[in-house]
Amino acid sequence: MVRRRCVGVDVQRRHVGDVAGPYSWWSWRGKAFDNDAGWRIDYQLATRRLAATVTDVFVGRAPTYAERWSDHAPVVADYALEPA
């Protein structure tokens, strides 16, 4: 069996475009979270075919510094899939 190399599509970047953020990680130090000075280090990767079905992508960022439970926030993608 021959396997093709699968290169994942960054569905968040495809959905929001080539812009800074949205970030999914902030340092605990300073005011990084409050100033939204983060890094984009969490991803949703998909095949091109699956990425084409994305309807929404967002980062589940806590509303305030006091309410966050981690230095990361989940990257959530919604897909419009047809039943098998």
Foldseek 3Di string as FASTA:
>chain_A
DDDDDFDWDFLVCVVPHPDPDPAFFFDPDDCCVVVSVHHRDDTDTDGPVFSVQWDDWDWQDDPDPVPDDDRGTDIDTDGDDDDD
